Amino acid sequence: MVHLTVLIMGFIEDNRKERMKFVDFWSDYVLKHSDKEWSRQQNVIINSCLRSTRMTREEYLKMKGETFRK
């Protein structure tokens, strides 16, 4: 049986590697694309997040093409 600490440490290390991989990807992307291009893309993401916070649950699910089930 694997000890819980070993599992947690493995998760932490995997998570760290994944985050570092993303940082490498993003830094490479920013270097290869113009400020105007990547900042426009970030603007789309940020505006989308802001819009979604003003939506009701039903509006959000409708946008995703899903329905709310109680």
PDB file of N, CA and C in Angstrom:
ATOM      1  N   MET A   1       0.847  -1.181   0.000  1.00  0.00           N
ATOM      2  CA  MET A   1       0.000   0.000   0.000  1.00  0.00           C
ATOM      3  C   MET A   1       0.896   1.248   0.000  1.00  0.00           C
ATOM      4  N   VAL A   2       0.584   2.163  -0.891  1.00  0.00           N
ATOM      5  CA  VAL A   2       1.375   3.376  -1.034  1.00  0.00           C
ATOM      6  C   VAL A   2       1.016   4.342   0.095  1.00  0.00           C
ATOM      7  N   HIS A   3       2.022   4.882   0.697  1.00  0.00           N
ATOM      8  CA  HIS A   3       1.813   5.818   1.801  1.00  0.00           C
ATOM      9  C   HIS A   3       1.245   7.129   1.262  1.00  0.00           C
ATOM     10  N   LEU A   4       0.315   7.723   1.994  1.00  0.00           N
ATOM     11  CA  LEU A   4      -0.361   8.953   1.572  1.00  0.00           C
ATOM     12  C   LEU A   4       0.633  10.079   1.307  1.00  0.00           C
ATOM     13  N   THR A   5       1.662  10.179   2.112  1.00  0.00           N
ATOM     14  CA  THR A   5       2.662  11.238   1.927  1.00  0.00           C
ATOM     15  C   THR A   5       3.346  11.112   0.577  1.00  0.00           C
ATOM     16  N   VAL A   6       3.637   9.888   0.163  1.00  0.00           N
ATOM     17  CA  VAL A   6       4.277   9.655  -1.133  1.00  0.00           C
ATOM     18  C   VAL A   6       3.345  10.107  -2.256  1.00  0.00           C
ATOM     19  N   LEU A   7       2.063   9.801  -2.127  1.00  0.00           N
ATOM     20  CA  LEU A   7       1.086  10.231  -3.136  1.00  0.00           C
ATOM     21  C   LEU A   7       0.990  11.749  -3.208  1.00  0.00           C
ATOM     22  N   ILE A   8       0.934  12.384  -2.057  1.00  0.00           N
ATOM     23  CA  ILE A   8       0.832  13.847  -2.021  1.00  0.00           C
ATOM     24  C   ILE A   8       2.085  14.477  -2.608  1.00  0.00           C
ATOM     25  N   MET A   9       3.254  13.966  -2.254  1.00  0.00           N
ATOM     26  CA  MET A   9       4.505  14.521  -2.779  1.00  0.00           C
ATOM     27  C   MET A   9       4.572  14.337  -4.300  1.00  0.00           C
ATOM     28  N   GLY A  10       4.078  13.206  -4.788  1.00  0.00           N
ATOM     29  CA  GLY A  10       4.041  12.980  -6.228  1.00  0.00           C
ATOM     30  C   GLY A  10       3.128  13.974  -6.917  1.00  0.00           C
ATOM     31  N   PHE A  11       1.973  14.230  -6.307  1.00  0.00           N
ATOM     32  CA  PHE A  11       1.042  15.210  -6.868  1.00  0.00           C
ATOM     33  C   PHE A  11       1.674  16.598  -6.897  1.00  0.00           C
ATOM     34  N   ILE A  12       2.318  16.968  -5.804  1.00  0.00           N
ATOM     35  CA  ILE A  12       2.944  18.285  -5.725  1.00  0.00           C
ATOM     36  C   ILE A  12       4.012  18.435  -6.794  1.00  0.00           C
ATOM     37  N   GLU A  13       4.827  17.412  -6.969  1.00  0.00           N
ATOM     38  CA  GLU A  13       5.891  17.476  -7.983  1.00  0.00           C
ATOM     39  C   GLU A  13       5.302  17.521  -9.391  1.00  0.00           C
ATOM     40  N   ASP A  14       4.288  16.710  -9.658  1.00  0.00           N
ATOM     41  CA  ASP A  14       3.638  16.725 -10.971  1.00  0.00           C
ATOM     42  C   ASP A  14       3.017  18.090 -11.246  1.00  0.00           C
ATOM     43  N   ASN A  15       2.382  18.674 -10.228  1.00  0.00           N
ATOM     44  CA  ASN A  15       1.766  19.977 -10.370  1.00  0.00           C
ATOM     45  C   ASN A  15       2.816  21.042 -10.655  1.00  0.00           C
ATOM     46  N   ARG A  16       3.931  20.987  -9.959  1.00  0.00           N
ATOM     47  CA  ARG A  16       5.019  21.948 -10.178  1.00  0.00           C
ATOM     48  C   ARG A  16       5.549  21.849 -11.603  1.00  0.00           C
ATOM     49  N   LYS A  17       5.764  20.613 -12.064  1.00  0.00           N
ATOM     50  CA  LYS A  17       6.264  20.409 -13.432  1.00  0.00           C
ATOM     51  C   LYS A  17       5.282  20.960 -14.458  1.00  0.00           C
ATOM     52  N   GLU A  18       3.995  20.707 -14.227  1.00  0.00           N
ATOM     53  CA  GLU A  18       2.969  21.194 -15.150  1.00  0.00           C
ATOM     54  C   GLU A  18       2.946  22.722 -15.183  1.00  0.00           C
ATOM     55  N   ARG A  19       3.040  23.356 -14.019  1.00  0.00           N
ATOM     56  CA  ARG A  19       3.052  24.821 -13.967  1.00  0.00           C
ATOM     57  C   ARG A  19       4.283  25.386 -14.659  1.00  0.00           C
ATOM     58  N   MET A  20       5.440  24.760 -14.455  1.00  0.00           N
ATOM     59  CA  MET A  20       6.669  25.237 -15.098  1.00  0.00           C
ATOM     60  C   MET A  20       6.592  25.053 -16.617  1.00  0.00           C
ATOM     61  N   LYS A  21       5.984  23.962 -17.046  1.00  0.00           N
ATOM     62  CA  LYS A  21       5.801  23.730 -18.483  1.00  0.00           C
ATOM     63  C   LYS A  21       4.929  24.837 -19.081  1.00  0.00           C
ATOM     64  N   PHE A  22       3.873  25.236 -18.355  1.00  0.00           N
ATOM     65  CA  PHE A  22       3.002  26.306 -18.827  1.00  0.00           C
ATOM     66  C   PHE A  22       3.753  27.632 -18.866  1.00  0.00           C
ATOM     67  N   VAL A  23       4.562  27.908 -17.844  1.00  0.00           N
ATOM     68  CA  VAL A  23       5.342  29.148 -17.824  1.00  0.00           C
ATOM     69  C   VAL A  23       6.277  29.189 -19.024  1.00  0.00           C
ATOM     70  N   ASP A  24       6.929  28.065 -19.324  1.00  0.00           N
ATOM     71  CA  ASP A  24       7.803  27.998 -20.499  1.00  0.00           C
ATOM     72  C   ASP A  24       7.022  28.226 -21.781  1.00  0.00           C
ATOM     73  N   PHE A  25       5.860  27.577 -21.887  1.00  0.00           N
ATOM     74  CA  PHE A  25       5.019  27.747 -23.070  1.00  0.00           C
ATOM     75  C   PHE A  25       4.621  29.211 -23.239  1.00  0.00           C
ATOM     76  N   TRP A  26       4.138  29.814 -22.139  1.00  0.00           N
ATOM     77  CA  TRP A  26       3.637  31.181 -22.230  1.00  0.00           C
ATOM     78  C   TRP A  26       4.761  32.163 -22.539  1.00  0.00           C
ATOM     79  N   SER A  27       5.905  32.004 -21.911  1.00  0.00           N
ATOM     80  CA  SER A  27       7.012  32.927 -22.183  1.00  0.00           C
ATOM     81  C   SER A  27       7.462  32.804 -23.633  1.00  0.00           C
ATOM     82  N   ASP A  28       7.485  31.588 -24.155  1.00  0.00           N
ATOM     83  CA  ASP A  28       7.833  31.381 -25.560  1.00  0.00           C
ATOM     84  C   ASP A  28       6.796  32.033 -26.472  1.00  0.00           C
ATOM     85  N   TYR A  29       5.524  31.875 -26.120  1.00  0.00           N
ATOM     86  CA  TYR A  29       4.446  32.459 -26.907  1.00  0.00           C
ATOM     87  C   TYR A  29       4.560  33.981 -26.944  1.00  0.00           C
ATOM     88  N   VAL A  30       4.774  34.579 -25.784  1.00  0.00           N
ATOM     89  CA  VAL A  30       4.865  36.031 -25.698  1.00  0.00           C
ATOM     90  C   VAL A  30       6.049  36.553 -26.519  1.00  0.00           C
ATOM     91  N   LEU A  31       7.137  35.816 -26.503  1.00  0.00           N
ATOM     92  CA  LEU A  31       8.308  36.234 -27.276  1.00  0.00           C
ATOM     93  C   LEU A  31       8.081  36.133 -28.783  1.00  0.00           C
ATOM     94  N   LYS A  32       7.270  35.165 -29.208  1.00  0.00           N
ATOM     95  CA  LYS A  32       7.072  34.917 -30.642  1.00  0.00           C
ATOM     96  C   LYS A  32       5.903  35.696 -31.251  1.00  0.00           C
ATOM     97  N   HIS A  33       5.065  36.283 -30.419  1.00  0.00           N
ATOM     98  CA  HIS A  33       3.896  37.005 -30.914  1.00  0.00           C
ATOM     99  C   HIS A  33       3.969  38.460 -30.484  1.00  0.00           C
ATOM    100  N   SER A  34       3.387  39.311 -31.289  1.00  0.00           N
ATOM    101  CA  SER A  34       3.420  40.744 -30.985  1.00  0.00           C
ATOM    102  C   SER A  34       2.616  41.046 -29.717  1.00  0.00           C
ATOM    103  N   ASP A  35       2.993  42.127 -29.064  1.00  0.00           N
ATOM    104  CA  ASP A  35       2.260  42.561 -27.875  1.00  0.00           C
ATOM    105  C   ASP A  35       0.787  42.771 -28.202  1.00  0.00           C
ATOM    106  N   LYS A  36       0.539  43.362 -29.363  1.00  0.00           N
ATOM    107  CA  LYS A  36      -0.834  43.654 -29.765  1.00  0.00           C
ATOM    108  C   LYS A  36      -1.650  42.365 -29.885  1.00  0.00           C
ATOM    109  N   GLU A  37      -1.051  41.328 -30.479  1.00  0.00           N
ATOM    110  CA  GLU A  37      -1.775  40.068 -30.676  1.00  0.00           C
ATOM    111  C   GLU A  37      -2.083  39.374 -29.357  1.00  0.00           C
ATOM    112  N   TRP A  38      -1.075  39.154 -28.518  1.00  0.00           N
ATOM    113  CA  TRP A  38      -1.354  38.400 -27.288  1.00  0.00           C
ATOM    114  C   TRP A  38      -2.133  39.211 -26.274  1.00  0.00           C
ATOM    115  N   SER A  39      -1.984  40.536 -26.286  1.00  0.00           N
ATOM    116  CA  SER A  39      -2.780  41.328 -25.342  1.00  0.00           C
ATOM    117  C   SER A  39      -4.248  41.349 -25.769  1.00  0.00           C
ATOM    118  N   ARG A  40      -4.499  41.312 -27.082  1.00  0.00           N
ATOM    119  CA  ARG A  40      -5.881  41.233 -27.579  1.00  0.00           C
ATOM    120  C   ARG A  40      -6.512  39.913 -27.128  1.00  0.00           C
ATOM    121  N   GLN A  41      -5.742  38.828 -27.210  1.00  0.00           N
ATOM    122  CA  GLN A  41      -6.252  37.526 -26.783  1.00  0.00           C
ATOM    123  C   GLN A  41      -6.537  37.513 -25.279  1.00  0.00           C
ATOM    124  N   GLN A  42      -5.650  38.116 -24.500  1.00  0.00           N
ATOM    125  CA  GLN A  42      -5.875  38.194 -23.057  1.00  0.00           C
ATOM    126  C   GLN A  42      -7.126  39.020 -22.757  1.00  0.00           C
ATOM    127  N   ASN A  43      -7.336  40.061 -23.534  1.00  0.00           N
ATOM    128  CA  ASN A  43      -8.517  40.905 -23.367  1.00  0.00           C
ATOM    129  C   ASN A  43      -9.786  40.087 -23.584  1.00  0.00           C
ATOM    130  N   VAL A  44      -9.781  39.220 -24.586  1.00  0.00           N
ATOM    131  CA  VAL A  44     -10.941  38.369 -24.860  1.00  0.00           C
ATOM    132  C   VAL A  44     -11.217  37.470 -23.656  1.00  0.00           C
ATOM    133  N   ILE A  45     -10.176  36.872 -23.110  1.00  0.00           N
ATOM    134  CA  ILE A  45     -10.336  35.975 -21.968  1.00  0.00           C
ATOM    135  C   ILE A  45     -10.865  36.738 -20.755  1.00  0.00           C
ATOM    136  N   ILE A  46     -10.260  37.864 -20.465  1.00  0.00           N
ATOM    137  CA  ILE A  46     -10.667  38.653 -19.298  1.00  0.00           C
ATOM    138  C   ILE A  46     -12.105  39.135 -19.444  1.00  0.00           C
ATOM    139  N   ASN A  47     -12.448  39.652 -20.615  1.00  0.00           N
ATOM    140  CA  ASN A  47     -13.827  40.122 -20.827  1.00  0.00           C
ATOM    141  C   ASN A  47     -14.824  38.979 -20.717  1.00  0.00           C
ATOM    142  N   SER A  48     -14.440  37.809 -21.210  1.00  0.00           N
ATOM    143  CA  SER A  48     -15.304  36.637 -21.101  1.00  0.00           C
ATOM    144  C   SER A  48     -15.545  36.266 -19.641  1.00  0.00           C
ATOM    145  N   CYS A  49     -14.491  36.305 -18.847  1.00  0.00           N
ATOM    146  CA  CYS A  49     -14.629  36.008 -17.415  1.00  0.00           C
ATOM    147  C   CYS A  49     -15.534  37.028 -16.737  1.00  0.00           C
ATOM    148  N   LEU A  50     -15.362  38.278 -17.076  1.00  0.00           N
ATOM    149  CA  LEU A  50     -16.193  39.322 -16.475  1.00  0.00           C
ATOM    150  C   LEU A  50     -17.659  39.159 -16.869  1.00  0.00           C
ATOM    151  N   ARG A  51     -17.898  38.828 -18.139  1.00  0.00           N
ATOM    152  CA  ARG A  51     -19.281  38.616 -18.585  1.00  0.00           C
ATOM    153  C   ARG A  51     -19.908  37.442 -17.853  1.00  0.00           C
ATOM    154  N   SER A  52     -19.144  36.372 -17.682  1.00  0.00           N
ATOM    155  CA  SER A  52     -19.701  35.170 -17.058  1.00  0.00           C
ATOM    156  C   SER A  52     -20.056  35.405 -15.599  1.00  0.00           C
ATOM    157  N   THR A  53     -19.388  36.355 -14.939  1.00  0.00           N
ATOM    158  CA  THR A  53     -19.721  36.622 -13.543  1.00  0.00           C
ATOM    159  C   THR A  53     -21.040  37.364 -13.406  1.00  0.00           C
ATOM    160  N   ARG A  54     -21.492  37.975 -14.488  1.00  0.00           N
ATOM    161  CA  ARG A  54     -22.767  38.695 -14.451  1.00  0.00           C
ATOM    162  C   ARG A  54     -23.927  37.824 -14.916  1.00  0.00           C
ATOM    163  N   MET A  55     -23.640  36.610 -15.344  1.00  0.00           N
ATOM    164  CA  MET A  55     -24.685  35.723 -15.837  1.00  0.00           C
ATOM    165  C   MET A  55     -25.313  34.937 -14.697  1.00  0.00           C
ATOM    166  N   THR A  56     -26.569  34.632 -14.887  1.00  0.00           N
ATOM    167  CA  THR A  56     -27.201  33.690 -13.973  1.00  0.00           C
ATOM    168  C   THR A  56     -26.743  32.290 -14.367  1.00  0.00           C
ATOM    169  N   ARG A  57     -26.977  31.333 -13.493  1.00  0.00           N
ATOM    170  CA  ARG A  57     -26.610  29.949 -13.799  1.00  0.00           C
ATOM    171  C   ARG A  57     -27.313  29.488 -15.077  1.00  0.00           C
ATOM    172  N   GLU A  58     -28.563  29.838 -15.224  1.00  0.00           N
ATOM    173  CA  GLU A  58     -29.331  29.430 -16.398  1.00  0.00           C
ATOM    174  C   GLU A  58     -28.772  30.048 -17.683  1.00  0.00           C
ATOM    175  N   GLU A  59     -28.393  31.341 -17.616  1.00  0.00           N
ATOM    176  CA  GLU A  59     -27.818  32.011 -18.789  1.00  0.00           C
ATOM    177  C   GLU A  59     -26.484  31.368 -19.181  1.00  0.00           C
ATOM    178  N   TYR A  60     -25.674  31.057 -18.175  1.00  0.00           N
ATOM    179  CA  TYR A  60     -24.381  30.434 -18.447  1.00  0.00           C
ATOM    180  C   TYR A  60     -24.560  29.070 -19.111  1.00  0.00           C
ATOM    181  N   LEU A  61     -25.439  28.251 -18.576  1.00  0.00           N
ATOM    182  CA  LEU A  61     -25.672  26.921 -19.151  1.00  0.00           C
ATOM    183  C   LEU A  61     -26.260  27.023 -20.548  1.00  0.00           C
ATOM    184  N   LYS A  62     -27.143  28.002 -20.766  1.00  0.00           N
ATOM    185  CA  LYS A  62     -27.718  28.204 -22.102  1.00  0.00           C
ATOM    186  C   LYS A  62     -26.611  28.554 -23.097  1.00  0.00           C
ATOM    187  N   MET A  63     -25.688  29.418 -22.680  1.00  0.00           N
ATOM    188  CA  MET A  63     -24.566  29.794 -23.535  1.00  0.00           C
ATOM    189  C   MET A  63     -23.727  28.562 -23.903  1.00  0.00           C
ATOM    190  N   LYS A  64     -23.568  27.653 -22.937  1.00  0.00           N
ATOM    191  CA  LYS A  64     -22.793  26.436 -23.178  1.00  0.00           C
ATOM    192  C   LYS A  64     -23.591  25.380 -23.927  1.00  0.00           C
ATOM    193  N   GLY A  65     -24.890  25.615 -24.103  1.00  0.00           N
ATOM    194  CA  GLY A  65     -25.733  24.644 -24.794  1.00  0.00           C
ATOM    195  C   GLY A  65     -26.213  23.543 -23.872  1.00  0.00           C
ATOM    196  N   GLU A  66     -26.221  23.821 -22.579  1.00  0.00           N
ATOM    197  CA  GLU A  66     -26.686  22.839 -21.587  1.00  0.00           C
ATOM    198  C   GLU A  66     -27.932  23.382 -20.903  1.00  0.00           C
ATOM    199  N   THR A  67     -28.610  22.498 -20.194  1.00  0.00           N
ATOM    200  CA  THR A  67     -29.780  22.926 -19.438  1.00  0.00           C
ATOM    201  C   THR A  67     -29.566  22.647 -17.959  1.00  0.00           C
ATOM    202  N   PHE A  68     -30.214  23.451 -17.132  1.00  0.00           N
ATOM    203  CA  PHE A  68     -30.108  23.311 -15.693  1.00  0.00           C
ATOM    204  C   PHE A  68     -31.093  22.254 -15.215  1.00  0.00           C
ATOM    205  N   ARG A  69     -30.586  21.319 -14.427  1.00  0.00           N
ATOM    206  CA  ARG A  69     -31.456  20.281 -13.855  1.00  0.00           C
ATOM    207  C   ARG A  69     -31.408  20.400 -12.346  1.00  0.00           C
ATOM    208  N   LYS A  70     -32.582  20.472 -11.749  1.00  0.00           N
ATOM    209  CA  LYS A  70     -32.650  20.568 -10.271  1.00  0.00           C
ATOM    210  C   LYS A  70     -32.593  19.211  -9.653  1.00  0.00           C
TER     211      LYS A  70
END
